[in-house]
Amino acid sequence: MINNQLIGPYIFDEGKLTGDIYLHFIRNELTLLLEDVPLKTRRRIIFQHDGAPPHCTKHVREYLNQEFPKRWIGRDGPHVWPARSQDLTPLDFYLWGHMKSLLYNKKINTREEFIHQIKETANMIKKKPSVLRKATVSVLDRARKCIAADGSHFEYDL
């Protein structure tokens, strides 16, 4: 998510995500996914990912340092993001739950059907930029509440 835009989805092949596969994604596929984002916005992007082991390999960090100097958030990066901080990340506190609620009432029998439904659901969500913008803007309010709670759980206060 960038401002009021949902980027993707990108579906990885079946199997375990490794550092090499993730590096290929951010080096090649992410570039394609960001083509429709205005250049002015792309130059200001702060890239964020969680602390999953494939996101933290030496080669991934080196690439992020090169492409997003001092503009990426993640484990062992210039801006560390606290573990288990789903209430501060729009993908976690909004997008995944919303997508699940739309997908779980559908009968899906195959991986191909599931992928198709994920893409259809993402396209539906993309048509609601004001909702996406509200989710990204709310991060600042959530960060303030987190600080006021001394880093403790605060989502009940939203």
Protein backbone atom coordinates (compact mmCIF):
# COMPACT_ATOMS: atom_id res chain seq x y z
CA MET A 1 0.00 0.00 0.00
CA ILE A 2 1.21 3.45 -0.92
CA ASN A 3 -1.05 6.33 0.11
CA ASN A 4 -4.35 5.41 -1.54
CA GLN A 5 -2.98 2.74 -3.87
CA LEU A 6 -2.88 -1.01 -3.39
CA ILE A 7 0.14 -2.46 -5.17
CA GLY A 8 -0.09 -6.00 -6.47
CA PRO A 9 -0.88 -8.62 -5.47
CA TYR A 10 2.15 -10.67 -6.33
CA ILE A 11 1.75 -14.41 -5.85
CA PHE A 12 4.90 -16.40 -5.16
CA ASP A 13 5.25 -19.88 -6.62
CA GLU A 14 4.50 -22.76 -4.29
CA GLY A 15 7.29 -23.67 -1.93
CA LYS A 16 9.29 -22.03 0.78
CA LEU A 17 10.21 -18.36 0.47
CA THR A 18 13.98 -17.98 0.63
CA GLY A 19 16.24 -14.96 0.73
CA ASP A 20 17.18 -15.50 -2.92
CA ILE A 21 13.54 -15.69 -4.02
CA TYR A 22 12.71 -12.57 -2.00
CA LEU A 23 15.72 -10.73 -3.43
CA HIS A 24 14.56 -11.61 -6.94
CA PHE A 25 11.12 -10.25 -6.05
CA ILE A 26 12.30 -6.87 -4.71
CA ARG A 27 14.92 -6.51 -7.44
CA ASN A 28 12.71 -7.44 -10.42
CA GLU A 29 9.02 -7.90 -9.68
CA LEU A 30 8.58 -4.99 -7.27
CA THR A 31 9.99 -2.64 -9.90
CA LEU A 32 7.26 -3.75 -12.30
CA LEU A 33 4.56 -3.45 -9.64
CA LEU A 34 5.61 0.15 -8.94
CA GLU A 35 5.54 1.28 -12.59
CA ASP A 36 2.17 3.02 -12.18
CA VAL A 37 3.25 4.88 -9.05
CA PRO A 38 4.30 8.46 -9.90
CA LEU A 39 8.07 8.99 -9.93
CA LYS A 40 7.80 11.73 -7.29
CA THR A 41 6.11 9.23 -4.95
CA ARG A 42 8.53 6.39 -5.76
CA ARG A 43 11.47 8.61 -4.82
CA ARG A 44 9.95 9.14 -1.36
CA ILE A 45 8.86 5.57 -0.68
CA ILE A 46 9.85 4.15 2.67
CA PHE A 47 9.97 0.41 2.12
CA GLN A 48 8.72 -1.67 5.02
CA HIS A 49 8.74 -5.39 5.60
CA ASP A 50 8.59 -7.62 8.64
CA GLY A 51 11.35 -9.60 10.29
CA ALA A 52 10.83 -12.86 8.40
CA PRO A 53 14.21 -14.56 7.83
CA PRO A 54 14.08 -14.23 4.00
CA HIS A 55 13.67 -10.46 4.40
CA CYS A 56 16.83 -10.16 6.49
CA THR A 57 19.55 -11.86 4.46
CA LYS A 58 22.75 -9.98 3.80
CA HIS A 59 22.02 -9.67 0.07
CA VAL A 60 18.50 -8.35 0.66
CA ARG A 61 19.76 -5.74 3.15
CA GLU A 62 22.55 -4.69 0.76
CA TYR A 63 20.04 -4.25 -2.06
CA LEU A 64 17.65 -2.25 0.13
CA ASN A 65 20.51 -0.05 1.34
CA GLN A 66 21.36 0.66 -2.30
CA GLU A 67 17.81 1.21 -3.61
CA PHE A 68 16.22 2.74 -0.51
CA PRO A 69 19.13 4.39 1.33
CA LYS A 70 17.96 5.17 4.88
CA ARG A 71 14.40 4.65 3.58
CA TRP A 72 13.57 1.12 4.58
CA ILE A 73 12.17 -0.37 7.74
CA GLY A 74 12.94 -3.88 8.91
CA ARG A 75 15.14 -6.07 11.04
CA ASP A 76 18.82 -5.08 10.79
CA GLY A 77 17.90 -2.03 8.73
CA PRO A 78 18.34 1.71 9.20
CA HIS A 79 14.94 1.85 10.94
CA VAL A 80 14.10 -1.16 13.06
CA TRP A 81 10.44 -2.10 13.34
CA PRO A 82 9.27 -3.78 16.54
CA ALA A 83 8.33 -7.44 16.30
CA ARG A 84 4.63 -8.31 16.50
CA SER A 85 3.51 -4.75 15.78
CA GLN A 86 0.56 -5.61 13.56
CA ASP A 87 -1.47 -2.73 14.97
CA LEU A 88 0.97 -0.28 13.32
CA THR A 89 1.05 -1.83 9.84
CA PRO A 90 -1.86 -1.15 7.41
CA LEU A 91 -1.43 -4.48 5.66
CA ASP A 92 -1.93 -6.22 8.99
CA PHE A 93 -4.53 -4.06 10.74
CA TYR A 94 -6.64 -3.52 7.63
CA LEU A 95 -5.85 -5.28 4.38
CA TRP A 96 -5.36 -8.96 5.29
CA GLY A 97 -8.41 -9.09 7.54
CA HIS A 98 -10.57 -7.33 4.98
CA MET A 99 -9.40 -9.62 2.17
CA LYS A 100 -10.01 -12.71 4.32
CA SER A 101 -13.53 -11.56 5.14
CA LEU A 102 -14.27 -11.20 1.43
CA LEU A 103 -12.61 -14.51 0.45
CA TYR A 104 -13.79 -16.86 3.19
CA ASN A 105 -17.40 -16.86 2.06
CA LYS A 106 -16.46 -18.21 -1.40
CA LYS A 107 -16.18 -21.87 -2.36
CA ILE A 108 -12.65 -22.39 -3.66
CA ASN A 109 -11.39 -25.82 -4.72
CA THR A 110 -7.99 -25.30 -6.33
CA ARG A 111 -4.91 -23.15 -5.93
CA GLU A 112 -5.67 -21.56 -9.30
CA GLU A 113 -9.19 -20.60 -8.16
CA PHE A 114 -7.75 -19.22 -4.93
CA ILE A 115 -5.19 -17.08 -6.80
CA HIS A 116 -7.92 -15.84 -9.15
CA GLN A 117 -10.12 -14.87 -6.18
CA ILE A 118 -7.22 -13.10 -4.44
CA LYS A 119 -6.62 -11.01 -7.57
CA GLU A 120 -10.34 -10.26 -7.99
CA THR A 121 -10.62 -9.23 -4.34
CA ALA A 122 -7.55 -6.99 -4.62
CA ASN A 123 -9.06 -5.35 -7.70
CA MET A 124 -12.29 -4.67 -5.76
CA ILE A 125 -10.29 -3.07 -2.95
CA LYS A 126 -8.29 -0.97 -5.44
CA LYS A 127 -11.56 0.67 -6.48
CA LYS A 128 -11.88 2.16 -2.97
CA PRO A 129 -8.86 4.51 -2.74
CA SER A 130 -10.43 6.58 0.05
CA VAL A 131 -10.55 3.50 2.30
CA LEU A 132 -6.91 2.69 1.51
CA ARG A 133 -5.91 6.28 2.21
CA LYS A 134 -7.76 6.23 5.54
CA ALA A 135 -5.82 3.09 6.54
CA THR A 136 -2.42 4.58 5.65
CA VAL A 137 -3.18 7.94 7.28
CA SER A 138 -4.27 6.21 10.48
CA VAL A 139 -0.71 4.93 11.03
CA LEU A 140 0.32 8.28 12.53
CA ASP A 141 -2.57 8.22 15.01
CA ARG A 142 -1.74 4.61 15.87
CA ALA A 143 1.93 5.50 16.40
CA ARG A 144 0.93 8.31 18.79
CA LYS A 145 -1.27 5.91 20.76
CA CYS A 146 1.58 3.39 20.89
CA ILE A 147 3.92 6.04 22.28
CA ALA A 148 1.30 7.15 24.82
CA ALA A 149 0.97 3.50 25.92
CA ASP A 150 4.77 3.22 26.30
CA GLY A 151 4.85 0.61 23.56
CA SER A 152 2.24 -1.58 25.23
CA HIS A 153 -0.81 -2.95 23.47
CA PHE A 154 -3.13 -0.11 22.54
CA GLU A 155 -5.40 -1.35 19.76
CA TYR A 156 -8.36 -1.49 22.16
CA ASP A 157 -8.12 2.32 22.30
CA LEU A 158 -8.74 2.87 18.57
